[in-house]
N, C-alpha and C. Protein backbone atom coordinates (compact mmCIF):
# COMPACT_ATOMS: atom_id res chain seq x y z
N UNK A 1 -13.47 -13.68 -34.29
CA UNK A 1 -12.64 -12.60 -33.78
C UNK A 1 -13.44 -12.02 -32.36
N UNK A 2 -14.81 -11.92 -32.60
CA UNK A 2 -15.40 -11.37 -31.74
C UNK A 2 -15.51 -12.48 -30.50
N UNK A 3 -15.87 -13.78 -30.69
CA UNK A 3 -15.67 -14.74 -29.90
C UNK A 3 -14.51 -14.86 -28.82
N UNK A 4 -13.39 -14.64 -29.61
CA UNK A 4 -11.96 -14.45 -28.97
C UNK A 4 -11.87 -13.55 -28.06
N UNK A 5 -12.41 -12.42 -28.71
CA UNK A 5 -12.28 -10.85 -27.75
C UNK A 5 -13.08 -11.02 -26.40
N UNK A 6 -14.45 -11.76 -26.57
CA UNK A 6 -15.07 -12.05 -25.42
C UNK A 6 -14.53 -12.89 -24.31
N UNK A 7 -13.81 -14.03 -24.97
CA UNK A 7 -12.98 -15.01 -23.90
C UNK A 7 -11.97 -14.22 -23.29
N UNK A 8 -11.14 -13.59 -23.93
CA UNK A 8 -10.29 -12.72 -23.48
C UNK A 8 -10.70 -11.99 -22.12
N UNK A 9 -11.79 -11.41 -22.27
CA UNK A 9 -12.46 -10.17 -21.47
C UNK A 9 -12.83 -11.14 -20.23
N UNK A 10 -13.31 -12.39 -20.52
CA UNK A 10 -14.07 -13.16 -19.31
C UNK A 10 -12.74 -13.41 -18.68
N UNK A 11 -11.82 -13.93 -19.34
CA UNK A 11 -10.44 -14.52 -18.61
C UNK A 11 -10.01 -13.23 -17.79
N UNK A 12 -9.79 -11.97 -18.30
CA UNK A 12 -9.10 -11.20 -17.51
C UNK A 12 -10.27 -10.74 -16.34
N UNK A 13 -11.62 -10.76 -16.24
CA UNK A 13 -12.29 -10.63 -14.85
C UNK A 13 -12.29 -11.61 -14.35
N UNK A 14 -11.66 -12.95 -14.66
CA UNK A 14 -11.84 -13.94 -13.84
C UNK A 14 -10.59 -14.07 -12.76
N UNK A 15 -9.31 -13.51 -13.35
CA UNK A 15 -8.04 -13.24 -13.00
C UNK A 15 -8.41 -12.15 -11.79
N UNK A 16 -9.12 -10.94 -12.19
CA UNK A 16 -9.09 -9.74 -11.40
C UNK A 16 -9.95 -10.11 -10.01
N UNK A 17 -11.09 -10.97 -10.35
CA UNK A 17 -11.93 -11.62 -9.40
C UNK A 17 -10.86 -12.64 -8.23
N UNK A 18 -10.33 -13.44 -8.70
CA UNK A 18 -9.34 -13.96 -7.86
C UNK A 18 -8.30 -13.40 -7.06
N UNK A 19 -7.87 -12.23 -7.83
CA UNK A 19 -6.86 -11.37 -6.78
C UNK A 19 -7.67 -10.54 -5.93
N UNK A 20 -8.85 -10.23 -6.39
CA UNK A 20 -9.80 -9.19 -5.22
C UNK A 20 -10.15 -10.08 -4.29
N UNK A 21 -10.42 -11.60 -4.39
CA UNK A 21 -10.48 -12.36 -3.32
C UNK A 21 -9.38 -12.39 -2.08
N UNK A 22 -8.41 -12.61 -3.01
CA UNK A 22 -7.01 -12.84 -2.22
C UNK A 22 -6.78 -11.69 -1.36
N UNK A 23 -6.99 -10.55 -2.19
CA UNK A 23 -6.91 -9.35 -1.46
C UNK A 23 -7.71 -9.48 -0.05
N UNK A 24 -8.70 -9.58 -0.06
CA UNK A 24 -9.74 -9.60 1.14
C UNK A 24 -9.21 -10.45 2.19
N UNK A 25 -8.85 -11.71 1.75
CA UNK A 25 -8.53 -12.57 2.68
C UNK A 25 -7.05 -12.41 3.19
N UNK A 26 -6.32 -11.78 2.66
CA UNK A 26 -5.03 -11.34 3.32
C UNK A 26 -5.19 -10.09 4.18
N UNK A 27 -6.39 -9.32 3.67
CA UNK A 27 -6.56 -8.13 4.76
C UNK A 27 -7.10 -8.36 5.92
N UNK A 28 -8.13 -9.26 6.18
CA UNK A 28 -8.54 -9.90 7.41
C UNK A 28 -7.47 -10.40 7.98
N UNK A 29 -6.48 -11.10 7.45
CA UNK A 29 -5.27 -11.48 8.40
C UNK A 29 -4.04 -10.67 8.98
N UNK A 30 -4.47 -9.34 8.36
CA UNK A 30 -3.57 -8.05 8.37
C UNK A 30 -2.35 -8.58 7.78
N UNK A 31 -2.27 -9.12 6.73
CA UNK A 31 -1.04 -9.62 5.91
C UNK A 31 -0.77 -8.55 4.61
N UNK A 32 0.47 -8.03 4.75
CA UNK A 32 0.40 -6.62 3.81
C UNK A 32 0.66 -7.48 2.15
N UNK A 33 0.42 -8.60 2.19
CA UNK A 33 0.48 -9.26 0.93
C UNK A 33 -0.88 -8.79 -0.24
N UNK A 34 -1.92 -8.44 0.72
CA UNK A 34 -3.22 -8.15 0.32
C UNK A 34 -2.92 -6.74 -0.67
N UNK A 35 -1.98 -5.97 -0.37
CA UNK A 35 -1.92 -4.60 -1.09
C UNK A 35 -1.33 -5.20 -2.59
N UNK A 36 -0.46 -5.99 -2.81
CA UNK A 36 0.01 -6.73 -4.07
C UNK A 36 -1.23 -6.95 -4.95
N UNK A 37 -2.10 -8.08 -4.14
CA UNK A 37 -3.07 -8.39 -5.07
C UNK A 37 -4.07 -7.19 -5.44
N UNK A 38 -4.22 -6.22 -4.40
CA UNK A 38 -5.07 -5.10 -4.83
C UNK A 38 -4.74 -4.28 -5.91
N UNK A 39 -3.43 -4.15 -5.83
CA UNK A 39 -2.68 -3.56 -7.06
C UNK A 39 -2.91 -4.22 -8.50
N UNK A 40 -2.74 -5.44 -8.51
CA UNK A 40 -2.99 -5.81 -9.76
C UNK A 40 -4.40 -6.12 -10.22
N UNK A 41 -5.22 -6.40 -8.99
CA UNK A 41 -6.51 -6.54 -9.53
C UNK A 41 -7.25 -5.13 -9.92
N UNK A 42 -6.86 -4.20 -9.55
CA UNK A 42 -7.65 -2.75 -9.75
C UNK A 42 -6.88 -2.54 -11.11
N UNK A 43 -5.76 -2.88 -11.44
CA UNK A 43 -5.23 -2.42 -12.82
C UNK A 43 -6.10 -2.91 -13.88
N UNK A 44 -6.44 -4.23 -13.81
CA UNK A 44 -7.53 -5.19 -14.67
C UNK A 44 -8.88 -4.28 -14.65
N UNK A 45 -9.22 -4.18 -13.46
CA UNK A 45 -10.66 -3.56 -13.42
C UNK A 45 -10.60 -2.00 -14.20
N UNK A 46 -9.62 -1.32 -14.06
CA UNK A 46 -9.51 0.21 -14.62
C UNK A 46 -10.05 -0.16 -15.90
N UNK A 47 -9.59 -1.14 -17.15
CA UNK A 47 -10.09 -1.25 -18.26
C UNK A 47 -11.35 -1.89 -18.34
N UNK A 48 -11.69 -2.94 -17.37
CA UNK A 48 -12.77 -3.47 -17.44
C UNK A 48 -14.05 -2.62 -17.53
N UNK A 49 -14.12 -1.65 -16.33
CA UNK A 49 -15.07 -0.91 -16.11
C UNK A 49 -15.31 0.33 -17.10
N UNK A 50 -14.10 0.71 -17.67
CA UNK A 50 -14.24 1.91 -18.90
C UNK A 50 -14.71 1.42 -19.93
N UNK A 51 -14.50 -0.22 -20.22
CA UNK A 51 -15.10 -0.62 -21.41
C UNK A 51 -16.54 -0.79 -21.35
N UNK A 52 -17.50 -1.11 -20.34
CA UNK A 52 -18.80 -1.20 -20.01
C UNK A 52 -19.26 0.29 -19.32
N UNK A 53 -18.70 1.34 -19.49
CA UNK A 53 -19.00 2.90 -19.35
C UNK A 53 -19.54 3.11 -17.97
N UNK A 54 -18.91 2.36 -16.87
CA UNK A 54 -18.89 2.73 -15.67
C UNK A 54 -17.81 3.56 -15.45
N UNK A 55 -17.86 4.71 -15.73
CA UNK A 55 -16.37 5.81 -15.83
C UNK A 55 -16.01 5.90 -14.30
N UNK A 56 -16.92 6.34 -13.31
CA UNK A 56 -16.78 6.41 -12.03
C UNK A 56 -15.91 5.37 -11.59
N UNK A 57 -16.48 4.02 -11.69
CA UNK A 57 -15.79 2.82 -11.13
C UNK A 57 -14.24 2.86 -11.98
N UNK A 58 -14.12 2.96 -13.03
CA UNK A 58 -13.03 2.90 -13.70
C UNK A 58 -11.84 3.93 -12.88
N UNK A 59 -12.48 5.16 -12.70
CA UNK A 59 -11.69 5.94 -12.04
C UNK A 59 -11.12 5.72 -10.57
N UNK A 60 -12.15 5.02 -10.24
CA UNK A 60 -12.11 4.71 -8.86
C UNK A 60 -10.84 3.69 -8.74
N UNK A 61 -10.62 2.74 -9.80
CA UNK A 61 -9.48 1.59 -9.59
C UNK A 61 -8.42 2.31 -9.77
N UNK A 62 -8.34 3.46 -10.62
CA UNK A 62 -7.14 3.90 -10.72
C UNK A 62 -6.60 4.48 -9.29
N UNK A 63 -7.49 5.23 -8.28
CA UNK A 63 -7.12 5.34 -7.05
C UNK A 63 -6.93 4.16 -6.17
N UNK A 64 -7.37 2.96 -6.47
CA UNK A 64 -7.10 1.89 -5.73
C UNK A 64 -5.49 1.59 -5.67
N UNK A 65 -5.08 1.70 -7.07
CA UNK A 65 -3.95 1.25 -7.38
C UNK A 65 -2.77 2.15 -6.68
N UNK A 66 -2.82 3.30 -6.54
CA UNK A 66 -2.25 4.23 -5.84
C UNK A 66 -2.52 4.05 -4.28
N UNK A 67 -3.76 3.54 -3.67
CA UNK A 67 -3.96 3.41 -2.38
C UNK A 67 -3.35 1.99 -1.81
N UNK A 68 -3.10 1.17 -3.09
CA UNK A 68 -2.37 0.11 -2.72
C UNK A 68 -0.85 0.18 -2.17
N UNK A 69 -0.31 0.99 -2.84
CA UNK A 69 1.16 1.39 -2.66
C UNK A 69 0.89 1.97 -1.20
N UNK A 70 -0.04 2.96 -0.90
CA UNK A 70 0.15 3.69 0.30
C UNK A 70 -0.39 2.90 1.50
N UNK A 71 -1.23 1.97 1.25
CA UNK A 71 -1.69 1.18 2.49
C UNK A 71 -0.40 -0.12 2.47
N UNK A 72 0.44 -0.37 1.78
CA UNK A 72 1.43 -1.36 2.03
C UNK A 72 2.25 -0.62 2.76
N UNK A 73 2.55 0.73 2.21
CA UNK A 73 3.68 1.63 3.46
C UNK A 73 3.35 1.53 4.70
N UNK A 74 1.83 2.10 4.72
CA UNK A 74 1.52 2.15 6.25
C UNK A 74 1.36 1.03 7.02
N UNK A 75 0.97 -0.04 6.41
CA UNK A 75 1.05 -1.36 6.98
C UNK A 75 2.37 -2.01 7.63
N UNK A 76 3.48 -1.57 6.78
CA UNK A 76 4.83 -2.01 7.09
C UNK A 76 5.64 -0.87 7.73
N UNK A 77 5.32 0.55 7.41
CA UNK A 77 6.22 1.35 8.12
C UNK A 77 5.45 2.10 8.84
N UNK A 78 4.07 2.16 9.08
CA UNK A 78 3.35 3.40 9.76
C UNK A 78 3.56 3.27 11.15
N UNK A 79 2.79 4.51 11.84
CA UNK A 79 2.79 4.22 13.17
C UNK A 79 4.01 5.08 13.64
N UNK A 80 3.80 5.25 14.92
CA UNK A 80 4.71 6.22 15.82
C UNK A 80 6.35 5.31 15.81
N UNK A 81 6.24 4.18 15.80
CA UNK A 81 7.41 3.39 15.99
C UNK A 81 7.93 2.98 14.53
N UNK A 82 7.23 3.11 13.47
CA UNK A 82 7.46 2.99 12.16
C UNK A 82 7.52 1.37 11.81
N UNK A 83 6.97 0.55 12.57
CA UNK A 83 7.01 -0.84 12.36
C UNK A 83 5.42 -1.26 11.82
N UNK A 84 4.90 -0.41 11.66
CA UNK A 84 3.34 -0.66 10.97
C UNK A 84 2.28 -0.27 11.96
N UNK A 85 0.98 -0.22 11.47
CA UNK A 85 -0.20 0.35 12.22
C UNK A 85 -0.86 -1.02 13.01
N UNK A 86 -1.42 -0.52 14.03
CA UNK A 86 -2.09 -1.14 14.64
C UNK A 86 -3.59 -1.07 14.29
N UNK A 87 -4.69 -1.92 14.79
CA UNK A 87 -6.25 -1.71 14.51
C UNK A 87 -6.56 -0.61 15.53
N UNK A 88 -7.51 0.48 14.76
CA UNK A 88 -7.88 1.44 15.78
C UNK A 88 -9.32 1.75 15.35
N UNK A 89 -9.97 2.69 16.15
CA UNK A 89 -11.34 2.92 15.81
C UNK A 89 -11.56 4.63 15.49
N UNK A 90 -12.63 4.97 14.63
CA UNK A 90 -13.04 6.28 14.56
C UNK A 90 -13.86 6.89 15.65
N UNK A 91 -13.97 8.22 15.71
CA UNK A 91 -14.83 8.69 16.76
C UNK A 91 -16.09 8.90 15.77
N UNK A 92 -17.28 9.11 16.65
CA UNK A 92 -18.68 9.49 15.90
C UNK A 92 -18.44 10.53 15.08
N UNK A 93 -17.70 11.32 15.55
CA UNK A 93 -17.58 12.74 14.74
C UNK A 93 -16.77 12.48 13.17
N UNK A 94 -15.71 11.76 13.42
CA UNK A 94 -15.13 11.52 12.28
C UNK A 94 -16.27 10.58 11.17
N UNK A 95 -16.80 9.66 11.83
CA UNK A 95 -17.94 8.93 10.79
C UNK A 95 -19.03 9.82 10.26
N UNK A 96 -19.51 11.11 11.04
CA UNK A 96 -20.47 12.03 10.63
C UNK A 96 -19.73 12.78 9.29
N UNK A 97 -18.56 13.09 9.69
CA UNK A 97 -17.83 14.02 8.69
C UNK A 97 -17.54 12.98 7.23
N UNK A 98 -17.21 11.80 7.54
CA UNK A 98 -16.93 11.13 6.47
C UNK A 98 -18.20 10.75 5.53
N UNK A 99 -19.36 10.40 6.28
CA UNK A 99 -20.72 10.34 5.56
C UNK A 99 -21.06 11.64 4.62
N UNK A 100 -21.03 12.66 5.44
CA UNK A 100 -21.46 14.03 4.76
C UNK A 100 -20.59 14.35 3.48
N UNK A 101 -19.49 13.96 3.86
CA UNK A 101 -18.20 14.24 2.21
C UNK A 101 -19.07 13.25 1.33
N UNK A 102 -19.20 12.07 1.71
CA UNK A 102 -19.63 10.84 0.67
C UNK A 102 -20.88 11.63 0.11
N UNK A 103 -22.01 11.94 0.77
CA UNK A 103 -23.26 12.43 0.20
C UNK A 103 -22.97 13.47 -0.67
N UNK A 104 -22.23 14.48 -0.37
CA UNK A 104 -21.96 15.72 -1.01
C UNK A 104 -21.41 15.30 -2.17
N UNK A 105 -20.42 14.60 -2.15
CA UNK A 105 -19.60 14.21 -3.44
C UNK A 105 -20.26 13.40 -4.40
N UNK A 106 -21.25 12.66 -3.67
CA UNK A 106 -21.98 11.98 -4.74
C UNK A 106 -22.96 12.78 -5.40
N UNK A 107 -23.77 13.46 -4.78
CA UNK A 107 -24.71 14.49 -5.73
C UNK A 107 -24.06 15.19 -6.52
N UNK A 108 -22.88 15.71 -6.29
CA UNK A 108 -22.23 16.51 -7.19
C UNK A 108 -21.76 15.87 -8.67
N UNK A 109 -20.93 14.82 -8.36
CA UNK A 109 -20.44 14.07 -9.50
C UNK A 109 -21.69 13.35 -9.94
N UNK A 110 -22.52 12.81 -9.19
CA UNK A 110 -23.49 12.18 -9.91
C UNK A 110 -24.68 13.18 -11.03
N UNK A 111 -24.68 14.54 -10.74
CA UNK A 111 -25.48 15.39 -11.42
C UNK A 111 -24.34 15.80 -12.65
N UNK A 112 -23.23 15.58 -12.31
CA UNK A 112 -22.46 16.07 -13.69
C UNK A 112 -22.07 15.01 -14.66
N UNK A 113 -22.04 13.63 -14.04
CA UNK A 113 -22.10 12.89 -15.05
C UNK A 113 -23.46 12.53 -15.77
N UNK A 114 -24.64 12.51 -15.03
CA UNK A 114 -25.90 12.65 -15.72
C UNK A 114 -26.17 13.55 -17.06
N UNK A 115 -25.40 14.88 -16.56
CA UNK A 115 -25.93 16.00 -17.38
C UNK A 115 -24.73 16.00 -18.81
N UNK A 116 -23.59 15.26 -18.44
CA UNK A 116 -22.61 15.50 -19.56
C UNK A 116 -21.93 14.12 -20.15
N UNK A 117 -22.42 12.93 -19.65
CA UNK A 117 -21.81 11.73 -20.15
C UNK A 117 -22.96 10.58 -20.48
N UNK A 118 -22.69 9.34 -20.99
CA UNK A 118 -23.45 8.70 -21.24
C UNK A 118 -23.47 7.26 -20.13
N UNK A 119 -23.00 7.78 -18.85
CA UNK A 119 -22.55 6.99 -17.87
C UNK A 119 -23.98 6.23 -17.41
N UNK A 120 -23.77 5.19 -16.90
CA UNK A 120 -25.22 4.16 -16.45
C UNK A 120 -25.31 4.50 -15.15
N UNK A 121 -26.34 4.68 -14.42
CA UNK A 121 -26.89 4.57 -13.14
C UNK A 121 -25.63 5.94 -12.46
N UNK A 122 -25.65 7.16 -12.77
CA UNK A 122 -24.67 7.87 -12.59
C UNK A 122 -24.59 8.16 -11.03
N UNK A 123 -25.76 8.26 -10.52
CA UNK A 123 -25.85 8.36 -9.03
C UNK A 123 -25.17 7.20 -7.99
N UNK A 124 -25.66 6.04 -8.50
CA UNK A 124 -25.48 5.13 -7.61
C UNK A 124 -23.75 4.89 -8.05
N UNK A 125 -23.43 5.12 -9.35
CA UNK A 125 -21.85 5.00 -9.71
C UNK A 125 -21.27 5.83 -8.85
N UNK A 126 -21.61 6.96 -8.59
CA UNK A 126 -20.92 8.01 -7.97
C UNK A 126 -20.77 7.68 -6.43
N UNK A 127 -21.98 6.98 -5.91
CA UNK A 127 -22.10 6.71 -4.17
C UNK A 127 -20.92 5.80 -4.10
N UNK A 128 -21.06 4.73 -4.84
CA UNK A 128 -19.94 3.59 -4.47
C UNK A 128 -18.42 4.04 -4.51
N UNK A 129 -18.30 4.94 -5.77
CA UNK A 129 -17.00 5.58 -6.18
C UNK A 129 -16.30 6.48 -4.65
N UNK A 130 -17.39 7.54 -4.44
CA UNK A 130 -17.02 8.08 -3.44
C UNK A 130 -16.88 7.31 -1.86
N UNK A 131 -17.71 6.59 -1.75
CA UNK A 131 -17.80 5.79 -0.52
C UNK A 131 -16.68 5.00 -0.36
N UNK A 132 -16.25 4.35 -1.59
CA UNK A 132 -15.07 3.71 -1.51
C UNK A 132 -13.60 4.37 -1.32
N UNK A 133 -13.44 5.67 -1.76
CA UNK A 133 -12.46 6.44 -1.65
C UNK A 133 -12.13 6.59 0.00
N UNK A 134 -13.54 6.94 0.50
CA UNK A 134 -13.03 7.21 1.93
C UNK A 134 -12.92 5.86 2.78
N UNK A 135 -13.60 4.95 2.40
CA UNK A 135 -13.26 3.48 3.12
C UNK A 135 -11.97 2.89 3.09
N UNK A 136 -11.46 3.09 1.59
CA UNK A 136 -10.22 2.54 1.31
C UNK A 136 -8.94 3.27 2.24
N UNK A 137 -9.32 4.60 2.55
CA UNK A 137 -8.43 5.36 3.68
C UNK A 137 -8.51 4.52 4.89
N UNK A 138 -9.72 4.23 5.40
CA UNK A 138 -9.71 3.58 6.55
C UNK A 138 -9.11 2.10 6.44
N UNK A 139 -9.18 1.59 5.63
CA UNK A 139 -8.38 0.34 5.39
C UNK A 139 -6.90 0.38 5.66
N UNK A 140 -6.66 1.52 4.71
CA UNK A 140 -5.02 1.51 4.95
C UNK A 140 -4.61 1.98 6.33
N UNK A 141 -5.73 2.69 7.02
CA UNK A 141 -5.44 3.12 8.34
C UNK A 141 -5.66 2.38 9.33
N UNK A 142 -6.28 1.03 8.92
CA UNK A 142 -6.48 0.08 9.92
C UNK A 142 -7.69 0.30 10.88
N UNK A 143 -8.72 1.22 10.34
CA UNK A 143 -9.87 1.78 10.81
C UNK A 143 -10.61 0.51 11.07
N UNK A 144 -11.35 0.11 12.31
CA UNK A 144 -12.34 -1.42 12.24
C UNK A 144 -13.43 -1.20 11.34
N UNK A 145 -14.27 -0.04 11.49
CA UNK A 145 -15.56 -0.01 10.94
C UNK A 145 -15.30 0.27 9.48
N UNK A 146 -14.31 0.32 8.60
CA UNK A 146 -14.07 0.04 7.26
C UNK A 146 -15.01 -1.03 6.60
N UNK A 147 -14.96 -2.10 7.64
CA UNK A 147 -15.75 -3.28 7.26
C UNK A 147 -17.20 -3.11 7.21
N UNK A 148 -17.98 -2.48 7.84
CA UNK A 148 -19.03 -1.87 8.03
C UNK A 148 -19.52 -1.26 6.98
N UNK A 149 -18.58 -0.01 6.35
CA UNK A 149 -18.97 0.83 5.33
C UNK A 149 -18.96 -0.22 3.77
N UNK A 150 -17.99 -1.16 4.00
CA UNK A 150 -17.95 -2.18 2.84
C UNK A 150 -19.19 -2.87 2.47
N UNK A 151 -19.87 -3.32 3.74
CA UNK A 151 -21.04 -3.93 3.51
C UNK A 151 -21.73 -3.06 2.87
N UNK A 152 -22.32 -2.00 2.89
CA UNK A 152 -23.16 -1.16 2.21
C UNK A 152 -22.83 -0.87 0.90
N UNK A 153 -21.45 -0.61 0.53
CA UNK A 153 -20.82 -0.19 -0.68
C UNK A 153 -21.11 -1.61 -1.52
N UNK A 154 -20.69 -2.97 -0.84
CA UNK A 154 -20.87 -3.87 -1.83
C UNK A 154 -22.33 -4.34 -2.38
N UNK A 155 -23.39 -3.96 -1.57
CA UNK A 155 -24.70 -4.27 -1.67
C UNK A 155 -25.17 -3.45 -3.06
N UNK A 156 -24.73 -2.24 -2.88
CA UNK A 156 -25.11 -1.10 -3.94
C UNK A 156 -24.42 -1.48 -5.15
N UNK A 157 -23.18 -2.02 -5.08
CA UNK A 157 -22.07 -2.46 -6.12
C UNK A 157 -22.87 -3.77 -6.75
N UNK A 158 -23.58 -4.61 -6.14
CA UNK A 158 -23.92 -5.93 -6.83
C UNK A 158 -25.04 -5.24 -7.78
N UNK A 159 -25.97 -4.48 -7.36
CA UNK A 159 -26.95 -4.04 -8.45
C UNK A 159 -26.34 -3.31 -9.67
N UNK A 160 -25.23 -2.63 -9.52
CA UNK A 160 -24.64 -2.08 -10.56
C UNK A 160 -23.86 -3.14 -11.45
N UNK A 161 -23.42 -3.99 -10.91
CA UNK A 161 -22.67 -4.80 -11.80
C UNK A 161 -23.82 -6.09 -12.44
N UNK A 162 -24.73 -6.29 -11.81
CA UNK A 162 -25.60 -7.05 -12.53
C UNK A 162 -26.28 -6.37 -13.86
N UNK A 163 -26.75 -5.08 -13.46
CA UNK A 163 -26.99 -3.99 -14.43
C UNK A 163 -26.12 -4.09 -15.87
N UNK A 164 -24.72 -4.27 -15.50
CA UNK A 164 -23.78 -4.03 -16.76
C UNK A 164 -23.55 -5.53 -17.07
N UNK A 165 -24.00 -6.72 -16.45
CA UNK A 165 -23.94 -7.83 -16.95
C UNK A 165 -22.45 -8.50 -16.66
N UNK A 166 -22.02 -7.79 -15.56
CA UNK A 166 -20.62 -8.28 -15.18
C UNK A 166 -21.03 -9.23 -13.84
N UNK A 167 -21.29 -10.78 -14.42
CA UNK A 167 -22.12 -11.32 -13.35
C UNK A 167 -20.83 -12.11 -12.27
N UNK A 168 -19.60 -12.14 -12.84
CA UNK A 168 -18.61 -12.99 -11.92
C UNK A 168 -18.29 -11.75 -10.87
N UNK A 169 -18.01 -10.40 -11.51
CA UNK A 169 -17.81 -9.55 -10.44
C UNK A 169 -19.10 -9.31 -9.43
N UNK A 170 -20.38 -9.52 -9.87
CA UNK A 170 -21.51 -9.42 -8.69
C UNK A 170 -21.28 -10.51 -8.02
N UNK A 171 -20.79 -11.46 -8.38
CA UNK A 171 -20.85 -12.75 -7.38
C UNK A 171 -19.68 -12.49 -6.34
N UNK A 172 -18.51 -11.75 -6.91
CA UNK A 172 -17.45 -11.55 -6.23
C UNK A 172 -17.93 -10.74 -4.80
N UNK A 173 -18.98 -9.93 -5.21
CA UNK A 173 -19.10 -8.70 -4.17
C UNK A 173 -20.18 -9.33 -3.35
N UNK A 174 -21.03 -10.33 -3.59
CA UNK A 174 -21.49 -11.37 -2.34
C UNK A 174 -20.81 -11.90 -1.77
N UNK A 175 -19.65 -12.42 -1.91
CA UNK A 175 -18.77 -13.28 -1.06
C UNK A 175 -18.13 -11.87 -0.29
N UNK A 176 -17.88 -10.69 -0.74
CA UNK A 176 -17.51 -9.77 -0.19
C UNK A 176 -18.06 -9.11 1.06
N UNK A 177 -19.19 -9.33 0.93
CA UNK A 177 -20.28 -8.94 2.02
C UNK A 177 -20.04 -9.97 3.22
N UNK A 178 -20.19 -11.19 2.94
CA UNK A 178 -19.67 -12.31 3.63
C UNK A 178 -18.56 -12.01 4.51
N UNK A 179 -17.38 -11.75 3.52
CA UNK A 179 -15.85 -11.31 4.23
C UNK A 179 -15.94 -10.35 5.05
N UNK A 180 -16.70 -9.44 4.51
CA UNK A 180 -16.48 -7.82 5.40
C UNK A 180 -17.05 -8.40 6.65
N UNK A 181 -18.33 -8.87 6.84
CA UNK A 181 -18.76 -9.13 8.34
C UNK A 181 -17.61 -10.31 9.10
N UNK A 182 -16.76 -10.96 8.27
CA UNK A 182 -16.03 -12.09 8.87
C UNK A 182 -14.74 -11.06 9.30
N UNK A 183 -14.63 -10.09 8.39
CA UNK A 183 -13.41 -9.16 8.97
C UNK A 183 -13.74 -8.22 9.76
N UNK A 184 -14.97 -7.70 10.07
CA UNK A 184 -15.24 -6.83 11.45
C UNK A 184 -15.05 -7.59 12.42
N UNK A 185 -15.63 -8.59 12.32
CA UNK A 185 -15.68 -9.79 13.68
C UNK A 185 -14.18 -10.17 14.20
N UNK A 186 -13.31 -10.34 12.99
CA UNK A 186 -11.85 -10.78 13.44
C UNK A 186 -11.37 -9.30 13.86
N UNK A 187 -11.47 -8.34 13.38
CA UNK A 187 -10.66 -7.20 13.62
C UNK A 187 -11.09 -6.60 14.85
N UNK A 188 -12.24 -6.87 15.38
CA UNK A 188 -12.93 -6.53 16.56
C UNK A 188 -11.99 -7.28 17.85
N UNK A 189 -12.09 -8.52 17.67
CA UNK A 189 -11.45 -9.38 18.30
C UNK A 189 -10.01 -9.13 18.83
N UNK A 190 -9.33 -8.79 17.41
CA UNK A 190 -7.85 -8.29 17.70
C UNK A 190 -7.50 -6.91 18.24
N UNK A 191 -8.64 -6.18 17.99
CA UNK A 191 -8.50 -4.83 18.72
C UNK A 191 -8.64 -5.01 20.27
N UNK A 192 -9.71 -5.68 20.71
CA UNK A 192 -9.76 -5.99 22.11
C UNK A 192 -8.63 -6.66 22.64
N UNK A 193 -7.78 -7.42 21.96
CA UNK A 193 -6.59 -8.11 22.42
C UNK A 193 -5.42 -7.08 22.47
N UNK A 194 -5.41 -6.16 21.72
CA UNK A 194 -4.46 -5.00 21.62
C UNK A 194 -4.77 -4.33 22.81
N UNK A 195 -6.00 -4.05 23.01
CA UNK A 195 -6.26 -3.02 24.25
C UNK A 195 -5.97 -3.79 25.71
N UNK A 196 -6.46 -5.07 25.73
CA UNK A 196 -5.98 -5.77 26.70
C UNK A 196 -4.65 -5.81 27.19
N UNK A 197 -4.04 -5.95 26.14
CA UNK A 197 -2.16 -6.10 26.29
C UNK A 197 -1.46 -4.70 26.80
N UNK A 198 -2.54 -3.85 25.85
CA UNK A 198 -1.83 -2.40 26.45
C UNK A 198 -1.95 -1.92 27.53
N UNK A 199 -3.05 -2.52 28.18
CA UNK A 199 -3.86 -1.91 29.62
C UNK A 199 -3.01 -3.11 30.93
N UNK A 200 -2.29 -4.09 30.39
CA UNK A 200 -1.94 -5.11 31.29
C UNK A 200 -0.61 -4.17 32.13
N UNK A 201 -0.45 -4.70 33.23
CA UNK A 201 1.07 -4.08 34.12
C UNK A 201 2.13 -4.65 33.23
N UNK A 202 2.47 -5.65 32.76
CA UNK A 202 3.65 -5.91 32.01
C UNK A 202 4.04 -4.91 30.75
N UNK A 203 2.76 -4.44 30.36
CA UNK A 203 2.90 -3.39 29.10
C UNK A 203 3.63 -1.91 29.54
N UNK A 204 3.48 -1.70 30.75
CA UNK A 204 3.94 -0.36 31.46
C UNK A 204 5.55 -0.66 31.72
């Protein structure tokens, strides 16, 4: 029975990994199918992370499920003309605010988890959670710099998952780093194309 349970758990992780990779590939292409993949992948991870005592990661994936719905709506119906958002950038002030919120939330929840639960690596778990909360909003709003945030988050996440023996997921996040760099390069190019098109005489 134990062997069957382990087999089923590994299969679930495999499905979640495949869907998560599909999410990123579609996101890089600005294809709204990414949000469907995100919804089902994160639904699986809610259970997986809870089962290995990464409670903040489990809670984060419940948030991801809600953000998958929000992101789909924004990419399909957002913007002033209700035809979907275009790629944009944040000001330096927005980034300072985002980083400040992440650090304060990390210290607060890390302390509470360390004092009141059996959570593993509570401060690192909290950091990846709160940083991901902010960065997921950036993805849903098509903010270019989200990809750079993900590079940092994914590096920390790899350590967390190796510690919990989630080897497939750790491998996924190595791939995530590569795809995040690729996503940043591709979105920068698209952003410049948007800017050029908007600045051309034909666009006036």
